[in-house]
C-alpha cells in the first residue's frame, strides 16, 4: 500500500487544488494517478445554495471508509480485558494479552491500512475546505447570512479533521499534523511527525476556533440532522483535555474537562435515553443522548443487498461492524456474522458482581450450539441464534439489531443503524471524574448514569468507583475506551501481562510508511 504522506506529492497538491471531495475506496484513491485527470469544471461557485456540498463530501469521507472502518475497531476494541478478539489474526489476538507488541505488528497490514484510511479522509476534508474557499469568493460583503454559513461549514469540516487527529494520536502517539496549512502544495516537503502533546494541543486550539462558529444545537436537532455542532466540539475538546491530564489530579486540564462538560450539561439539550438496551437499536438512533454518531441509512429500501459497497445507500462499514461481531450463525436469517470481538467472561463476571443486570443483558447475547436445535439461544427480541459456542458463549449485543427492526430482505443485519460514538452518558461521567479529581463531589452526574440502568445511588463516590462505572457503561464499545482508560490512569500494566512502558501505549508507525519516508521513523 502506498503511503498517504509520500505516495505522490503531486496527487495531494491536485486534490487540494481541484477539490476532489468524493472519497472512493482506499486502494483506488491511492493507486490511480489522479493528477492525470482533469479537475471538475461544472461546479457553479456563484450558486451559494450548493455551498453545503463540500461539507457533505467531508462527512462521507469520514464515515465511508475513513475513520469508521472495521479495521481499527477490531484492533482497538480487542485491547481490553472485556474482549476475546477471536479474529484469526495472531497480531490482533496478542494485543489483549501483551498490550501492543510494537515491532511484532509494525508490518501488520491493518496497522498501515488504518493510517492510510484516516489520513486519506483528512486530506479529503482539507480539499473540502478548499472548495468552500471558492464559494467564499462569491459571497457579497453584506451577505451576513451566507458569511455565517461559511464559518459554520468550515468549523464542521475542521472539527472532522481534528477528530481524525484525535484518533491518530490516541492510536499511534506521535503523528503528522495535516491541517489546512500543513499540507498546502508549498509545504509538502516539510511534513513530519509531531509530538503526541503537540497534536493534542492542535486539537484543542482548533476546537477553540470551531466552538463559537458551530451551530448551537443538539446534533439530532441540527439543521443537517446528526451533524457536528458546538456540543460535539466541546466533547472533543473535553476528551482531548482528559487524555492530556491522564491520572494527574493537579493537571489544569481537568478544569478544561469540567468547563466543557458543564457547558454541555447546562445547555439542557441532552438527556439519557431511558432504555439502555434499546439505546443500541433503531429506536435509540440519534436520540437526545447523541453527541456524535456516524450515520448510515438504507433510505427505506426493503429488498436487495444494499450494503455491499462503500458508495451505496448505507455504506459497508457499519454493516461490517455488525457482521464481524455477530455470531457465526448456522441457523440462518439476518443474525449472522464472523464471531469476532466476543465479550469476555471477565467482563461478564465484572457486571455480575456489580448486580449490573441491564448492562449485562444488553452487552451479552448468548449463542446456541451449531446444529443442535435444542440449544438454540433466543434474544430478548425473539431472534434465534446458533453461534459457534465452541468459540464463544456470547456475541456483542451492542452490535445487535433485531430482525424485527431490520428492513425486509437486505441480507445484512444492522442495516440502517448508526455508530454511537459519543453519548451524553460519557459527558456525565467525564464531568463526575473532573469533579472528583479536583476535590469536589461527583455524585450527581455519576448517579444519573447509574440510576438509568437500575443501580442505586452512591454517596461520596471515589475515583475508582467512577472508573468502574466507566468500564461498565462503555463495555465492549468501539475504538478502545477501556484501553485508553487503563493507559491514562496507569492501570494497564496490571491488566496486560506483557506490558512494556513506553512502547505498549501506542501502535508503532507502520513500517510501510517508514520505508517511504524516513522522517516518520
Protein backbone atom coordinates (compact mmCIF):
# COMPACT_ATOMS: atom_id res chain seq x y z
CA UNK A 1 0.00 0.00 0.00
CA UNK A 2 1.32 3.45 -0.92
CA UNK A 3 1.98 5.99 1.82
CA UNK A 4 -0.69 8.66 2.25
CA UNK A 5 2.01 11.21 3.01
CA UNK A 6 4.64 10.30 0.47
CA UNK A 7 2.63 8.34 -2.12
CA UNK A 8 2.75 11.20 -4.62
CA UNK A 9 3.03 14.82 -3.64
CA UNK A 10 1.54 15.88 -6.96
CA UNK A 11 -1.56 13.86 -6.09
CA UNK A 12 -2.00 15.68 -2.77
CA UNK A 13 -1.48 19.01 -4.49
CA UNK A 14 -4.01 18.15 -7.18
CA UNK A 15 -6.58 17.10 -4.57
CA UNK A 16 -6.18 20.40 -2.76
CA UNK A 17 -6.34 22.41 -5.96
CA UNK A 18 -9.19 20.57 -7.66
CA UNK A 19 -11.41 19.93 -4.65
CA UNK A 20 -11.75 16.18 -5.03
CA UNK A 21 -14.03 15.69 -2.06
CA UNK A 22 -15.61 12.40 -3.09
CA UNK A 23 -13.83 9.53 -1.32
CA UNK A 24 -13.56 6.25 -3.22
CA UNK A 25 -12.11 3.05 -1.84
CA UNK A 26 -8.62 3.46 -0.43
CA UNK A 27 -6.84 1.32 -2.99
CA UNK A 28 -8.44 3.18 -5.89
CA UNK A 29 -7.78 6.51 -4.23
CA UNK A 30 -4.07 5.82 -3.83
CA UNK A 31 -3.16 3.57 -6.71
CA UNK A 32 -4.54 5.55 -9.62
CA UNK A 33 -2.65 8.67 -10.77
CA UNK A 34 -5.43 11.17 -10.27
CA UNK A 35 -3.13 14.06 -11.17
CA UNK A 36 -3.63 12.96 -14.78
CA UNK A 37 -7.37 13.52 -14.56
CA UNK A 38 -8.94 16.84 -15.41
CA UNK A 39 -10.27 18.89 -12.45
CA UNK A 40 -14.04 19.27 -12.27
CA UNK A 41 -15.24 22.30 -14.21
CA UNK A 42 -19.02 22.08 -13.83
CA UNK A 43 -19.43 23.45 -10.30
CA UNK A 44 -21.05 26.86 -10.23
CA UNK A 45 -19.37 28.55 -7.27
CA UNK A 46 -21.67 31.54 -7.61
CA UNK A 47 -24.63 29.35 -6.63
CA UNK A 48 -24.37 29.61 -2.86
CA UNK A 49 -27.19 27.10 -2.41
CA UNK A 50 -24.57 24.46 -3.28
CA UNK A 51 -22.17 25.55 -0.54
CA UNK A 52 -23.00 22.59 1.71
CA UNK A 53 -21.87 20.08 -0.93
CA UNK A 54 -18.20 20.00 0.17
CA UNK A 55 -19.32 19.53 3.77
CA UNK A 56 -21.44 16.56 2.76
CA UNK A 57 -18.44 15.15 0.92
CA UNK A 58 -16.29 15.52 4.05
CA UNK A 59 -18.80 13.56 6.14
CA UNK A 60 -18.86 10.84 3.51
CA UNK A 61 -15.06 10.63 3.54
CA UNK A 62 -15.07 10.18 7.32
CA UNK A 63 -17.88 7.64 7.59
CA UNK A 64 -17.41 5.61 4.39
CA UNK A 65 -14.01 4.13 4.93
CA UNK A 66 -12.15 6.96 6.64
CA UNK A 67 -12.46 6.80 10.41
CA UNK A 68 -15.33 4.33 10.73
CA UNK A 69 -13.92 1.09 9.42
CA UNK A 70 -13.96 -2.34 11.00
CA UNK A 71 -10.15 -2.45 10.94
CA UNK A 72 -9.29 -0.11 13.86
CA UNK A 73 -12.44 -1.27 15.60
CA UNK A 74 -11.31 -4.88 15.86
CA UNK A 75 -7.78 -3.78 16.83
CA UNK A 76 -8.62 -1.16 19.45
CA UNK A 77 -11.64 -2.88 20.97
CA UNK A 78 -9.64 -6.08 21.35
CA UNK A 79 -7.09 -4.24 23.50
CA UNK A 80 -9.20 -4.83 26.57
CA UNK A 81 -9.90 -7.33 29.29
CA UNK A 82 -13.54 -7.08 28.17
CA UNK A 83 -12.96 -8.80 24.81
CA UNK A 84 -11.78 -12.07 23.34
CA UNK A 85 -10.76 -10.89 19.87
CA UNK A 86 -11.02 -14.27 18.05
CA UNK A 87 -10.16 -12.60 14.75
CA UNK A 88 -7.91 -15.21 13.22
CA UNK A 89 -5.09 -12.66 13.15
CA UNK A 90 -2.36 -13.57 15.62
CA UNK A 91 -1.17 -9.95 15.64
CA UNK A 92 -4.54 -8.80 16.92
CA UNK A 93 -5.12 -11.72 19.26
CA UNK A 94 -1.85 -10.87 21.00
CA UNK A 95 -2.95 -7.33 21.72
CA UNK A 96 -5.27 -8.41 24.50
CA UNK A 97 -2.56 -10.38 26.27
CA UNK A 98 0.54 -8.28 25.66
CA UNK A 99 -0.55 -4.71 25.22
CA UNK A 100 0.90 -3.53 21.91
CA UNK A 101 3.78 -5.74 20.85
CA UNK A 102 5.47 -2.90 18.93
CA UNK A 103 7.87 -4.31 16.31
CA UNK A 104 5.92 -7.57 16.04
CA UNK A 105 2.96 -5.77 14.47
CA UNK A 106 4.79 -2.90 12.77
CA UNK A 107 4.41 -4.55 9.38
CA UNK A 108 0.88 -5.82 10.03
CA UNK A 109 -1.31 -4.76 7.11
CA UNK A 110 -4.07 -3.42 9.37
CA UNK A 111 -1.71 -1.00 11.13
CA UNK A 112 -0.83 0.55 7.78
CA UNK A 113 -4.35 0.41 6.37
CA UNK A 114 -5.74 2.35 9.33
CA UNK A 115 -3.03 5.00 8.93
CA UNK A 116 -3.83 5.33 5.24
CA UNK A 117 -7.61 5.37 5.73
CA UNK A 118 -7.60 8.14 8.33
CA UNK A 119 -5.12 10.38 6.55
CA UNK A 120 -6.95 9.86 3.25
CA UNK A 121 -10.12 11.17 4.90
CA UNK A 122 -8.22 14.07 6.49
CA UNK A 123 -6.81 15.10 3.12
CA UNK A 124 -10.26 14.84 1.57
CA UNK A 125 -11.64 17.08 4.31
CA UNK A 126 -8.90 19.60 3.59
CA UNK A 127 -9.87 19.58 -0.06
CA UNK A 128 -13.45 20.30 1.02
CA UNK A 129 -12.17 23.42 2.78
CA UNK A 130 -10.51 24.43 -0.48
CA UNK A 131 -13.88 24.04 -2.19
CA UNK A 132 -15.54 26.26 0.40
CA UNK A 133 -12.92 28.92 -0.25
CA UNK A 134 -14.10 29.07 -3.87
CA UNK A 135 -17.67 29.68 -2.74
CA UNK A 136 -16.42 32.27 -0.23
CA UNK A 137 -15.07 34.47 -3.02
CA UNK A 138 -18.61 34.84 -4.34
CA UNK A 139 -20.33 35.85 -1.09
CA UNK A 140 -21.24 39.57 -1.22
CA UNK A 141 -19.66 41.68 1.51
CA UNK A 142 -23.04 42.49 3.05
CA UNK A 143 -24.42 38.95 2.97
CA UNK A 144 -24.20 38.16 6.69
CA UNK A 145 -26.31 35.02 6.40
CA UNK A 146 -24.00 33.28 3.96
CA UNK A 147 -20.90 34.59 5.72
CA UNK A 148 -22.11 32.88 8.90
CA UNK A 149 -22.99 29.72 6.99
CA UNK A 150 -19.48 29.68 5.55
CA UNK A 151 -17.94 29.89 9.03
CA UNK A 152 -20.23 27.12 10.28
CA UNK A 153 -19.41 24.83 7.38
CA UNK A 154 -15.69 25.49 7.79
CA UNK A 155 -15.99 24.70 11.50
CA UNK A 156 -17.76 21.41 10.79
CA UNK A 157 -15.01 20.28 8.44
CA UNK A 158 -12.22 21.47 10.73
CA UNK A 159 -13.86 19.54 13.56
CA UNK A 160 -13.83 16.39 11.42
CA UNK A 161 -10.14 16.96 10.63
CA UNK A 162 -9.38 17.41 14.33
CA UNK A 163 -11.36 14.25 15.12
CA UNK A 164 -9.11 12.29 12.77
CA UNK A 165 -6.05 13.63 14.55
CA UNK A 166 -7.64 12.69 17.88
CA UNK A 167 -7.89 9.09 16.76
CA UNK A 168 -4.41 9.07 15.26
CA UNK A 169 -2.60 10.44 18.31
CA UNK A 170 -4.53 8.07 20.57
CA UNK A 171 -3.60 5.13 18.40
CA UNK A 172 -0.08 5.97 17.19
CA UNK A 173 1.21 8.64 19.59
CA UNK A 174 3.48 10.98 17.60
CA UNK A 175 1.87 11.59 14.19
CA UNK A 176 1.91 14.22 11.43
CA UNK A 177 -0.49 17.14 11.75
CA UNK A 178 -2.21 17.52 8.39
CA UNK A 179 -4.23 20.66 8.90
CA UNK A 180 -5.13 23.00 6.03
CA UNK A 181 -1.86 24.95 6.19
CA UNK A 182 0.45 21.99 6.78
CA UNK A 183 -0.41 20.21 3.52
CA UNK A 184 -0.64 23.16 1.19
CA UNK A 185 1.35 22.49 -2.01
CA UNK A 186 4.13 24.79 -0.79
CA UNK A 187 4.66 22.75 2.39
CA UNK A 188 4.57 19.18 1.11
CA UNK A 189 8.31 18.69 1.62
CA UNK A 190 8.13 19.62 5.32
CA UNK A 191 5.58 17.08 6.55
CA UNK A 192 6.88 15.30 9.65
CA UNK A 193 5.63 13.71 12.84
CA UNK A 194 4.61 15.99 15.70
CA UNK A 195 4.85 15.05 19.34
CA UNK A 196 1.77 13.49 20.91
CA UNK A 197 1.14 16.51 23.14
CA UNK A 198 1.55 18.92 20.23
CA UNK A 199 -1.15 17.06 18.28
CA UNK A 200 -3.46 17.21 21.29
CA UNK A 201 -2.86 20.93 21.69
CA UNK A 202 -3.57 21.41 18.00
CA UNK A 203 -6.95 19.71 18.52
CA UNK A 204 -7.81 21.94 21.47
CA UNK A 205 -6.79 25.07 19.57
CA UNK A 206 -8.94 24.01 16.63
CA UNK A 207 -11.92 23.47 18.92
CA UNK A 208 -11.42 26.92 20.44
CA UNK A 209 -12.00 28.32 16.95
CA UNK A 210 -14.73 25.90 15.94
CA UNK A 211 -16.98 26.04 19.01
CA UNK A 212 -18.26 29.65 18.61
CA UNK A 213 -18.71 29.16 14.86
CA UNK A 214 -20.72 25.93 15.06
CA UNK A 215 -24.48 25.63 15.39
CA UNK A 216 -25.83 25.93 18.92
CA UNK A 217 -27.99 22.80 18.82
CA UNK A 218 -28.01 19.17 19.77
CA UNK A 219 -26.91 17.08 16.76
CA UNK A 220 -30.35 15.49 16.43
CA UNK A 221 -31.90 18.97 16.20
CA UNK A 222 -29.24 20.47 13.93
CA UNK A 223 -30.12 21.99 10.56
CA UNK A 224 -28.43 18.99 8.96
CA UNK A 225 -29.54 16.30 11.39
CA UNK A 226 -26.69 14.47 13.07
CA UNK A 227 -24.05 16.98 12.01
CA UNK A 228 -21.26 18.36 14.17
CA UNK A 229 -22.44 21.15 16.50
CA UNK A 230 -20.95 23.22 19.33
CA UNK A 231 -21.54 20.35 21.74
CA UNK A 232 -19.73 17.81 19.59
CA UNK A 233 -16.74 20.16 19.53
CA UNK A 234 -16.96 20.72 23.29
CA UNK A 235 -16.90 16.95 23.75
CA UNK A 236 -13.83 16.58 21.54
CA UNK A 237 -12.06 19.31 23.46
CA UNK A 238 -13.00 17.72 26.79
CA UNK A 239 -11.87 14.24 25.74
CA UNK A 240 -8.56 15.60 24.47
CA UNK A 241 -8.01 17.55 27.69
CA UNK A 242 -8.81 14.42 29.73
CA UNK A 243 -6.22 12.45 27.76
CA UNK A 244 -3.61 15.15 28.47
CA UNK A 245 -4.48 15.26 32.18
CA UNK A 246 -4.23 11.48 32.45
CA UNK A 247 -4.03 10.43 36.07
CA UNK A 248 -2.66 13.75 37.36
CA UNK A 249 -5.24 15.26 39.69
CA UNK A 250 -3.29 18.52 39.76
CA UNK A 251 -3.38 18.99 35.99
CA UNK A 252 -5.09 22.24 34.94
CA UNK A 253 -6.65 20.32 32.07
CA UNK A 254 -9.20 18.88 34.49
CA UNK A 255 -10.61 22.41 34.70
CA UNK A 256 -10.95 22.31 30.91
CA UNK A 257 -12.81 19.00 31.14
CA UNK A 258 -15.09 20.43 33.80
CA UNK A 259 -15.78 23.63 31.88
CA UNK A 260 -16.60 21.85 28.61
CA UNK A 261 -18.81 19.19 30.18
CA UNK A 262 -20.60 21.79 32.29
CA UNK A 263 -21.49 23.68 29.10
CA UNK A 264 -22.96 20.52 27.59
CA UNK A 265 -24.90 19.67 30.75
CA UNK A 266 -26.13 23.20 31.39
CA UNK A 267 -27.38 23.57 27.82
CA UNK A 268 -30.39 21.44 28.78
CA UNK A 269 -30.38 19.92 25.29
CA UNK A 270 -29.35 16.41 26.27
CA UNK A 271 -30.76 13.60 28.37
CA UNK A 272 -30.12 9.91 28.90
CA UNK A 273 -32.21 7.60 26.75
CA UNK A 274 -34.35 5.79 29.34
CA UNK A 275 -33.94 2.27 27.93
CA UNK A 276 -30.26 1.26 27.83
CA UNK A 277 -30.98 -1.96 25.95
CA UNK A 278 -32.98 -0.16 23.26
CA UNK A 279 -30.40 2.65 23.01
CA UNK A 280 -28.34 0.48 20.65
CA UNK A 281 -31.25 -0.47 18.46
CA UNK A 282 -33.07 1.54 15.80
CA UNK A 283 -35.28 3.49 18.30
CA UNK A 284 -32.14 4.83 20.01
CA UNK A 285 -30.67 6.23 16.82
CA UNK A 286 -30.00 10.00 17.08
CA UNK A 287 -31.85 10.26 20.38
CA UNK A 288 -31.34 13.07 22.90
CA UNK A 289 -28.31 11.22 24.28
CA UNK A 290 -26.43 11.51 20.99
CA UNK A 291 -23.44 13.87 20.81
CA UNK A 292 -21.73 12.25 17.84
CA UNK A 293 -22.97 9.45 15.61
CA UNK A 294 -21.65 8.20 12.30
CA UNK A 295 -24.79 7.94 10.22
CA UNK A 296 -25.89 5.25 7.80
CA UNK A 297 -29.25 4.96 6.09
CA UNK A 298 -30.88 2.45 3.80
CA UNK A 299 -33.35 5.15 2.71
CA UNK A 300 -36.26 2.81 3.29
CA UNK A 301 -35.15 0.10 0.89
CA UNK A 302 -36.76 -3.23 1.68
CA UNK A 303 -35.05 -5.53 -0.81
CA UNK A 304 -31.61 -6.39 -2.09
CA UNK A 305 -28.15 -6.48 -0.59
CA UNK A 306 -27.95 -2.75 -0.16
CA UNK A 307 -24.77 -2.64 1.91
CA UNK A 308 -22.29 -4.32 -0.38
CA UNK A 309 -20.12 -1.34 -1.31
CA UNK A 310 -18.89 1.93 0.17
CA UNK A 311 -20.82 4.03 -2.34
CA UNK A 312 -24.26 2.57 -1.68
CA UNK A 313 -27.01 4.00 0.48
CA UNK A 314 -25.95 2.72 3.86
CA UNK A 315 -22.21 2.26 3.37
CA UNK A 316 -20.49 -1.02 4.01
CA UNK A 317 -18.51 -0.06 7.09
CA UNK A 318 -21.26 -0.22 9.69
CA UNK A 319 -22.57 -3.41 8.14
CA UNK A 320 -19.10 -4.87 8.55
CA UNK A 321 -19.05 -3.76 12.18
CA UNK A 322 -22.19 -5.81 12.69
CA UNK A 323 -21.10 -8.74 10.59
CA UNK A 324 -17.74 -9.45 12.14
CA UNK A 325 -19.16 -9.10 15.66
CA UNK A 326 -22.26 -11.17 15.03
CA UNK A 327 -22.40 -14.88 15.92
CA UNK A 328 -21.08 -17.44 13.48
CA UNK A 329 -24.65 -18.46 12.92
CA UNK A 330 -25.60 -21.64 11.06
CA UNK A 331 -29.30 -21.17 11.81
CA UNK A 332 -29.66 -18.57 9.06
CA UNK A 333 -31.60 -15.34 8.95
CA UNK A 334 -30.20 -11.87 9.41
CA UNK A 335 -28.50 -12.51 12.77
CA UNK A 336 -25.28 -13.76 11.29
CA UNK A 337 -21.61 -12.88 11.42
CA UNK A 338 -17.99 -13.91 11.92
CA UNK A 339 -18.00 -14.36 15.69
CA UNK A 340 -15.17 -11.87 16.37
CA UNK A 341 -14.78 -9.49 19.34
CA UNK A 342 -16.58 -11.68 21.85
CA UNK A 343 -17.40 -10.28 25.29
CA UNK A 344 -15.16 -11.97 27.85
CA UNK A 345 -16.00 -14.00 30.95
CA UNK A 346 -14.04 -11.41 32.89
CA UNK A 347 -16.41 -8.71 31.71
CA UNK A 348 -19.44 -10.89 32.43
CA UNK A 349 -18.22 -11.57 35.96
CA UNK A 350 -17.44 -7.89 36.48
CA UNK A 351 -21.01 -6.88 35.65
CA UNK A 352 -22.45 -9.77 37.63
CA UNK A 353 -20.53 -8.81 40.76
CA UNK A 354 -21.99 -5.30 40.47
CA UNK A 355 -25.57 -6.59 40.01
CA UNK A 356 -25.39 -4.71 36.73
CA UNK A 357 -28.08 -6.78 35.07
CA UNK A 358 -29.36 -4.29 32.48
CA UNK A 359 -25.92 -3.63 31.05
CA UNK A 360 -25.15 -7.35 31.13
CA UNK A 361 -28.37 -8.22 29.31
CA UNK A 362 -27.59 -5.53 26.73
CA UNK A 363 -23.98 -6.49 26.07
CA UNK A 364 -24.03 -10.29 26.39
CA UNK A 365 -26.18 -12.00 23.81
CA UNK A 366 -25.96 -15.78 24.13
CA UNK A 367 -25.07 -18.18 21.34
CA UNK A 368 -26.60 -21.60 20.91
CA UNK A 369 -24.72 -24.67 19.66
CA UNK A 370 -24.36 -25.13 15.93
CA UNK A 371 -26.62 -27.85 14.58
CA UNK A 372 -28.37 -28.61 17.87
CA UNK A 373 -31.91 -27.16 17.79
CA UNK A 374 -32.42 -27.92 21.47
CA UNK A 375 -29.72 -25.39 22.38
CA UNK A 376 -30.60 -22.51 20.07
CA UNK A 377 -30.45 -19.27 22.04
CA UNK A 378 -33.23 -16.70 21.76
CA UNK A 379 -32.52 -12.98 22.12
CA UNK A 380 -34.81 -10.69 24.16
CA UNK A 381 -36.30 -9.63 20.81
CA UNK A 382 -37.12 -13.20 19.79
CA UNK A 383 -34.34 -13.89 17.29
CA UNK A 384 -33.00 -17.44 17.28
CA UNK A 385 -29.20 -17.75 17.32
CA UNK A 386 -26.96 -20.78 16.95
CA UNK A 387 -23.49 -19.31 17.09
CA UNK A 388 -20.34 -21.37 17.28
CA UNK A 389 -20.35 -21.99 21.02
CA UNK A 390 -17.08 -23.90 20.72
CA UNK A 391 -15.53 -20.47 20.16
CA UNK A 392 -17.71 -18.40 22.43
CA UNK A 393 -20.81 -18.38 24.57
CA UNK A 394 -21.71 -14.78 23.67
CA UNK A 395 -21.72 -12.12 20.99
CA UNK A 396 -21.76 -8.36 21.48
CA UNK A 397 -25.31 -7.18 22.00
CA UNK A 398 -24.35 -3.56 21.33
CA UNK A 399 -23.73 -4.62 17.74
CA UNK A 400 -27.10 -6.37 17.51
CA UNK A 401 -30.11 -5.04 15.66
CA UNK A 402 -33.19 -7.28 15.93
CA UNK A 403 -34.71 -8.79 12.83
CA UNK A 404 -37.96 -7.01 13.72
CA UNK A 405 -36.15 -3.66 13.29
CA UNK A 406 -34.38 -4.62 10.06
CA UNK A 407 -35.77 -3.76 6.65
CA UNK A 408 -37.07 -6.58 4.51
CA UNK A 409 -34.58 -8.93 2.89
CA UNK A 410 -31.46 -6.75 2.72
CA UNK A 411 -29.29 -9.71 3.62
CA UNK A 412 -27.31 -7.82 6.28
CA UNK A 413 -28.48 -7.26 9.79
CA UNK A 414 -27.77 -3.85 11.28
CA UNK A 415 -28.69 -2.04 8.10
CA UNK A 416 -29.95 1.50 8.75
CA UNK A 417 -28.35 1.73 12.19
CA UNK A 418 -25.70 4.26 13.29
CA UNK A 419 -22.41 4.09 15.18
CA UNK A 420 -22.92 5.61 18.63
CA UNK A 421 -19.57 7.32 19.02
CA UNK A 422 -20.07 9.81 21.87
CA UNK A 423 -23.01 9.88 24.23
CA UNK A 424 -24.30 12.18 26.96
CA UNK A 425 -23.64 9.39 29.45
CA UNK A 426 -19.93 9.87 28.82
CA UNK A 427 -20.28 13.62 29.28
CA UNK A 428 -21.78 12.99 32.73
CA UNK A 429 -19.07 10.52 33.71
CA UNK A 430 -16.30 12.84 32.49
CA UNK A 431 -17.89 15.64 34.50
CA UNK A 432 -18.03 13.41 37.58
CA UNK A 433 -14.38 12.41 37.18
CA UNK A 434 -13.27 16.03 36.79
CA UNK A 435 -15.21 16.93 39.93
CA UNK A 436 -13.67 14.09 41.96
CA UNK A 437 -10.15 14.81 40.73
CA UNK A 438 -10.48 18.49 41.64
CA UNK A 439 -11.59 17.67 45.18
CA UNK A 440 -15.32 18.08 44.64
CA UNK A 441 -18.28 15.72 44.83
CA UNK A 442 -19.20 13.95 41.59
CA UNK A 443 -22.21 12.04 42.85
CA UNK A 444 -24.92 13.92 40.92
CA UNK A 445 -23.72 13.24 37.35
CA UNK A 446 -22.42 9.79 38.28
CA UNK A 447 -25.72 8.69 39.80
CA UNK A 448 -27.72 9.85 36.80
CA UNK A 449 -25.84 7.27 34.75
CA UNK A 450 -26.17 4.58 37.42
CA UNK A 451 -29.87 5.15 38.01
CA UNK A 452 -30.64 4.85 34.29
CA UNK A 453 -29.60 1.18 34.43
CA UNK A 454 -31.33 0.47 37.74
CA UNK A 455 -28.29 0.77 40.02
CA UNK A 456 -28.60 2.52 43.40
CA UNK A 457 -27.04 5.92 44.00
CA UNK A 458 -23.58 6.20 45.52
CA UNK A 459 -22.62 8.67 48.23
CA UNK A 460 -19.19 10.36 48.14
CA UNK A 461 -18.13 8.23 45.22
CA UNK A 462 -14.42 7.50 44.91
CA UNK A 463 -12.28 7.79 41.81
CA UNK A 464 -12.11 4.01 41.48
CA UNK A 465 -15.89 3.74 41.68
CA UNK A 466 -16.08 6.30 38.89
CA UNK A 467 -13.58 4.36 36.76
CA UNK A 468 -15.50 1.14 37.37
CA UNK A 469 -18.65 2.92 36.20
CA UNK A 470 -16.89 3.96 33.00
CA UNK A 471 -15.90 0.36 32.35
CA UNK A 472 -19.43 -0.86 32.94
CA UNK A 473 -21.06 1.85 30.82
CA UNK A 474 -18.73 1.55 27.81
CA UNK A 475 -18.12 -2.17 27.98
CA UNK A 476 -17.48 -3.67 24.52
CA UNK A 477 -17.95 -0.34 22.75
CA UNK A 478 -15.77 0.68 19.84
CA UNK A 479 -12.43 2.46 19.46
CA UNK A 480 -10.89 1.31 22.71
CA UNK A 481 -12.24 3.50 25.52
CA UNK A 482 -11.41 0.81 28.09
CA UNK A 483 -7.83 0.54 26.83
CA UNK A 484 -7.43 4.31 26.89
CA UNK A 485 -8.71 4.49 30.48
CA UNK A 486 -6.25 1.81 31.57
CA UNK A 487 -3.38 3.69 29.94
CA UNK A 488 -4.18 7.18 31.19
CA UNK A 489 -4.78 6.02 34.76
CA UNK A 490 -1.63 3.89 34.93
CA UNK A 491 -3.52 0.61 35.39
CA UNK A 492 -2.62 -1.03 32.07
CA UNK A 493 0.41 -2.89 33.45
CA UNK A 494 -1.81 -4.69 35.96
CA UNK A 495 -4.13 -5.94 33.19
CA UNK A 496 -1.75 -6.77 30.31
CA UNK A 497 0.81 -9.40 31.25
CA UNK A 498 3.34 -8.33 28.63
CA UNK A 499 3.01 -4.58 29.08
CA UNK A 500 6.13 -2.56 28.24
CA UNK A 501 6.01 1.03 29.43
CA UNK A 502 6.97 3.46 26.70
CA UNK A 503 6.06 1.00 23.94
CA UNK A 504 2.73 -0.60 24.68
CA UNK A 505 0.74 2.62 24.86
CA UNK A 506 0.62 3.11 21.09
CA UNK A 507 0.72 1.20 17.85
CA UNK A 508 4.01 1.56 16.02
CA UNK A 509 4.27 3.81 12.99
CA UNK A 510 3.63 1.43 10.06
CA UNK A 511 6.82 0.05 8.58
CA UNK A 512 5.38 0.62 5.09
CA UNK A 513 5.21 4.36 5.81
CA UNK A 514 8.73 4.49 7.25
CA UNK A 515 10.06 2.72 4.17
CA UNK A 516 8.66 5.55 2.06
CA UNK A 517 9.55 8.44 4.35
CA UNK A 518 12.43 8.20 6.80
CA UNK A 519 11.11 11.29 8.62
CA UNK A 520 8.45 9.00 10.13
CA UNK A 521 10.98 6.67 11.76
